[in-house]
Amino acid sequence: MHRILRKIFGPVQNEDGSWRIRMNYELNELIGNADIVRFIKCRRIAWLGHVMRIDDKRTPKRILQWKPIGTSIKGRPKKEMDCRH
């Protein structure tokens, strides 16, 4: 999780002008010790509510209501044979 937060917030510049990655305690200060997983789940549920309210002709709603035809193959894919010798 901290790797993702480091990407989002980016590096920090030292007094001597060199750059370094942020440390865990700095990342925790930036996010206010919030539970990131709970925040993401909350935002997904909010987005789902938004999609449920939009018009049926819009693409996100159509994708949400889409039912695939047929079934997918279960298990591990077959090993491909290499015909080159």
N, C-alpha and C. Protein backbone atom coordinates (compact mmCIF):
# COMPACT_ATOMS: atom_id res chain seq x y z
N MET A 1 0.82 -1.19 0.00
CA MET A 1 0.00 0.00 0.00
C MET A 1 0.87 1.26 0.00
N HIS A 2 1.97 1.23 0.75
CA HIS A 2 2.82 2.40 0.80
C HIS A 2 3.49 2.68 -0.55
N ARG A 3 3.72 1.63 -1.33
CA ARG A 3 4.30 1.83 -2.66
C ARG A 3 3.37 2.67 -3.53
N ILE A 4 2.08 2.39 -3.45
CA ILE A 4 1.10 3.15 -4.22
C ILE A 4 1.05 4.59 -3.74
N LEU A 5 1.05 4.78 -2.42
CA LEU A 5 1.02 6.13 -1.88
C LEU A 5 2.27 6.91 -2.26
N ARG A 6 3.43 6.24 -2.31
CA ARG A 6 4.65 6.93 -2.74
C ARG A 6 4.53 7.40 -4.18
N LYS A 7 3.89 6.59 -5.02
CA LYS A 7 3.66 6.99 -6.42
C LYS A 7 2.74 8.21 -6.48
N ILE A 8 1.69 8.19 -5.69
CA ILE A 8 0.70 9.27 -5.72
C ILE A 8 1.31 10.58 -5.24
N PHE A 9 1.97 10.55 -4.10
CA PHE A 9 2.49 11.77 -3.50
C PHE A 9 3.84 12.19 -4.05
N GLY A 10 4.57 11.27 -4.67
CA GLY A 10 5.84 11.60 -5.29
C GLY A 10 6.97 11.79 -4.30
N PRO A 11 8.17 12.07 -4.82
CA PRO A 11 9.34 12.22 -3.96
C PRO A 11 9.35 13.58 -3.27
N VAL A 12 10.26 13.73 -2.32
CA VAL A 12 10.42 14.97 -1.60
C VAL A 12 11.87 15.43 -1.77
N GLN A 13 12.05 16.74 -1.84
CA GLN A 13 13.38 17.29 -2.06
C GLN A 13 14.01 17.67 -0.71
N ASN A 14 15.25 17.21 -0.51
CA ASN A 14 16.00 17.54 0.71
C ASN A 14 16.51 18.97 0.65
N GLU A 15 17.07 19.42 1.77
CA GLU A 15 17.62 20.78 1.83
C GLU A 15 18.80 20.96 0.87
N ASP A 16 19.55 19.88 0.64
CA ASP A 16 20.71 19.98 -0.25
C ASP A 16 20.35 19.87 -1.73
N GLY A 17 19.07 19.72 -2.04
CA GLY A 17 18.61 19.67 -3.42
C GLY A 17 18.45 18.25 -3.97
N SER A 18 18.86 17.24 -3.20
CA SER A 18 18.69 15.86 -3.66
C SER A 18 17.26 15.39 -3.40
N TRP A 19 16.85 14.37 -4.17
CA TRP A 19 15.50 13.85 -4.04
C TRP A 19 15.53 12.50 -3.34
N ARG A 20 14.47 12.19 -2.58
CA ARG A 20 14.34 10.91 -1.91
C ARG A 20 12.87 10.53 -1.86
N ILE A 21 12.63 9.23 -1.65
CA ILE A 21 11.24 8.79 -1.51
C ILE A 21 10.75 9.13 -0.10
N ARG A 22 9.44 9.24 0.02
CA ARG A 22 8.87 9.56 1.33
C ARG A 22 8.91 8.35 2.24
N MET A 23 9.11 8.59 3.50
CA MET A 23 9.13 7.51 4.49
C MET A 23 7.71 7.22 4.96
N ASN A 24 7.53 6.04 5.57
CA ASN A 24 6.20 5.60 5.98
C ASN A 24 5.52 6.61 6.91
N TYR A 25 6.24 7.16 7.86
CA TYR A 25 5.61 8.09 8.79
C TYR A 25 5.16 9.36 8.05
N GLU A 26 5.89 9.78 7.01
CA GLU A 26 5.48 10.94 6.22
C GLU A 26 4.20 10.65 5.45
N LEU A 27 4.11 9.43 4.90
CA LEU A 27 2.90 9.05 4.17
C LEU A 27 1.71 8.99 5.11
N ASN A 28 1.92 8.45 6.31
CA ASN A 28 0.83 8.38 7.28
C ASN A 28 0.35 9.76 7.69
N GLU A 29 1.27 10.72 7.81
CA GLU A 29 0.87 12.09 8.12
C GLU A 29 0.06 12.71 6.99
N LEU A 30 0.44 12.41 5.74
CA LEU A 30 -0.27 12.97 4.60
C LEU A 30 -1.69 12.45 4.48
N ILE A 31 -1.89 11.19 4.75
CA ILE A 31 -3.24 10.63 4.62
C ILE A 31 -4.03 10.71 5.92
N GLY A 32 -3.39 11.21 6.97
CA GLY A 32 -4.09 11.37 8.25
C GLY A 32 -4.42 10.05 8.91
N ASN A 33 -3.58 9.05 8.70
CA ASN A 33 -3.77 7.71 9.26
C ASN A 33 -5.14 7.13 8.92
N ALA A 34 -5.67 7.48 7.74
CA ALA A 34 -6.95 6.94 7.29
C ALA A 34 -6.78 5.50 6.84
N ASP A 35 -7.85 4.72 6.94
CA ASP A 35 -7.84 3.34 6.46
C ASP A 35 -8.09 3.39 4.95
N ILE A 36 -7.05 3.15 4.16
CA ILE A 36 -7.13 3.30 2.71
C ILE A 36 -8.09 2.29 2.11
N VAL A 37 -8.05 1.05 2.56
CA VAL A 37 -8.92 0.01 2.00
C VAL A 37 -10.38 0.38 2.22
N ARG A 38 -10.71 0.84 3.41
CA ARG A 38 -12.09 1.24 3.69
C ARG A 38 -12.50 2.43 2.82
N PHE A 39 -11.58 3.37 2.63
CA PHE A 39 -11.88 4.53 1.80
C PHE A 39 -12.16 4.11 0.36
N ILE A 40 -11.34 3.20 -0.18
CA ILE A 40 -11.53 2.74 -1.56
C ILE A 40 -12.85 2.01 -1.70
N LYS A 41 -13.18 1.14 -0.75
CA LYS A 41 -14.45 0.41 -0.80
C LYS A 41 -15.63 1.37 -0.72
N CYS A 42 -15.51 2.39 0.10
CA CYS A 42 -16.57 3.39 0.23
C CYS A 42 -16.78 4.13 -1.08
N ARG A 43 -15.68 4.49 -1.74
CA ARG A 43 -15.78 5.21 -3.02
C ARG A 43 -16.37 4.31 -4.10
N ARG A 44 -16.05 3.02 -4.08
CA ARG A 44 -16.63 2.09 -5.07
C ARG A 44 -18.12 1.97 -4.89
N ILE A 45 -18.57 1.90 -3.64
CA ILE A 45 -20.01 1.81 -3.38
C ILE A 45 -20.71 3.10 -3.82
N ALA A 46 -20.07 4.23 -3.57
CA ALA A 46 -20.65 5.51 -3.99
C ALA A 46 -20.74 5.56 -5.52
N TRP A 47 -19.72 5.05 -6.21
CA TRP A 47 -19.73 5.04 -7.68
C TRP A 47 -20.84 4.13 -8.18
N LEU A 48 -21.01 2.97 -7.53
CA LEU A 48 -22.08 2.06 -7.93
C LEU A 48 -23.44 2.73 -7.79
N GLY A 49 -23.65 3.46 -6.71
CA GLY A 49 -24.91 4.18 -6.55
C GLY A 49 -25.12 5.21 -7.65
N HIS A 50 -24.05 5.87 -8.05
CA HIS A 50 -24.12 6.84 -9.15
C HIS A 50 -24.51 6.14 -10.45
N VAL A 51 -23.87 5.01 -10.75
CA VAL A 51 -24.15 4.30 -11.99
C VAL A 51 -25.58 3.76 -11.99
N MET A 52 -26.07 3.33 -10.83
CA MET A 52 -27.43 2.81 -10.77
C MET A 52 -28.47 3.91 -11.06
N ARG A 53 -28.13 5.15 -10.79
CA ARG A 53 -29.09 6.25 -11.00
C ARG A 53 -29.05 6.84 -12.41
N ILE A 54 -28.00 6.57 -13.19
CA ILE A 54 -27.91 7.20 -14.51
C ILE A 54 -28.82 6.50 -15.52
N ASP A 55 -28.97 7.12 -16.68
CA ASP A 55 -29.85 6.63 -17.73
C ASP A 55 -29.40 5.26 -18.24
N ASP A 56 -30.37 4.40 -18.59
CA ASP A 56 -30.07 3.04 -19.05
C ASP A 56 -29.30 2.99 -20.36
N LYS A 57 -29.34 4.06 -21.14
CA LYS A 57 -28.65 4.06 -22.44
C LYS A 57 -27.17 4.41 -22.33
N ARG A 58 -26.72 4.89 -21.18
CA ARG A 58 -25.31 5.26 -21.02
C ARG A 58 -24.44 4.02 -20.85
N THR A 59 -23.21 4.13 -21.34
CA THR A 59 -22.31 2.98 -21.38
C THR A 59 -22.02 2.36 -20.02
N PRO A 60 -21.71 3.11 -18.97
CA PRO A 60 -21.43 2.44 -17.68
C PRO A 60 -22.61 1.61 -17.18
N LYS A 61 -23.81 2.09 -17.37
CA LYS A 61 -24.99 1.34 -16.93
C LYS A 61 -25.18 0.09 -17.77
N ARG A 62 -24.94 0.19 -19.08
CA ARG A 62 -25.07 -0.97 -19.96
C ARG A 62 -24.03 -2.03 -19.62
N ILE A 63 -22.82 -1.61 -19.29
CA ILE A 63 -21.78 -2.57 -18.91
C ILE A 63 -22.14 -3.24 -17.59
N LEU A 64 -22.67 -2.48 -16.65
CA LEU A 64 -23.05 -3.04 -15.35
C LEU A 64 -24.16 -4.09 -15.51
N GLN A 65 -25.09 -3.86 -16.43
CA GLN A 65 -26.22 -4.76 -16.61
C GLN A 65 -25.94 -5.88 -17.60
N TRP A 66 -24.76 -5.89 -18.24
CA TRP A 66 -24.43 -6.86 -19.27
C TRP A 66 -24.30 -8.26 -18.69
N LYS A 67 -24.90 -9.22 -19.38
CA LYS A 67 -24.79 -10.62 -18.99
C LYS A 67 -24.07 -11.36 -20.13
N PRO A 68 -22.88 -11.91 -19.87
CA PRO A 68 -22.17 -12.61 -20.93
C PRO A 68 -22.91 -13.87 -21.37
N ILE A 69 -22.75 -14.22 -22.63
CA ILE A 69 -23.40 -15.40 -23.18
C ILE A 69 -22.42 -16.57 -23.09
N GLY A 70 -22.90 -17.72 -22.68
CA GLY A 70 -22.06 -18.90 -22.59
C GLY A 70 -21.30 -18.95 -21.28
N THR A 71 -20.34 -19.88 -21.22
CA THR A 71 -19.55 -20.05 -20.01
C THR A 71 -18.07 -19.99 -20.36
N SER A 72 -17.28 -19.66 -19.39
CA SER A 72 -15.84 -19.66 -19.61
C SER A 72 -15.29 -21.03 -19.26
N ILE A 73 -14.14 -21.33 -19.82
CA ILE A 73 -13.50 -22.61 -19.57
C ILE A 73 -12.91 -22.60 -18.17
N LYS A 74 -13.19 -23.62 -17.41
CA LYS A 74 -12.71 -23.70 -16.04
C LYS A 74 -11.31 -24.31 -16.01
N GLY A 75 -10.55 -23.93 -15.02
CA GLY A 75 -9.25 -24.54 -14.81
C GLY A 75 -8.12 -23.84 -15.52
N ARG A 76 -6.98 -24.47 -15.48
CA ARG A 76 -5.77 -23.92 -16.05
C ARG A 76 -5.80 -24.05 -17.57
N PRO A 77 -5.29 -23.04 -18.28
CA PRO A 77 -5.26 -23.13 -19.74
C PRO A 77 -4.37 -24.29 -20.20
N LYS A 78 -4.72 -24.87 -21.35
CA LYS A 78 -3.94 -25.95 -21.92
C LYS A 78 -2.55 -25.43 -22.27
N LYS A 79 -1.55 -26.27 -22.12
CA LYS A 79 -0.20 -25.89 -22.45
C LYS A 79 -0.04 -25.90 -23.96
N GLU A 80 0.48 -24.81 -24.51
CA GLU A 80 0.67 -24.72 -25.96
C GLU A 80 1.86 -25.56 -26.37
N MET A 81 1.71 -26.25 -27.48
CA MET A 81 2.81 -27.04 -28.00
C MET A 81 3.64 -26.17 -28.93
N ASP A 82 4.92 -26.18 -28.74
CA ASP A 82 5.82 -25.41 -29.58
C ASP A 82 6.27 -26.33 -30.70
N CYS A 83 5.90 -25.99 -31.93
CA CYS A 83 6.21 -26.85 -33.08
C CYS A 83 7.65 -26.64 -33.58
N ARG A 84 8.30 -25.63 -33.10
CA ARG A 84 9.69 -25.39 -33.53
C ARG A 84 10.61 -26.35 -32.80
N HIS A 85 11.56 -26.92 -33.49
CA HIS A 85 12.53 -27.85 -32.87
C HIS A 85 13.91 -27.30 -32.90
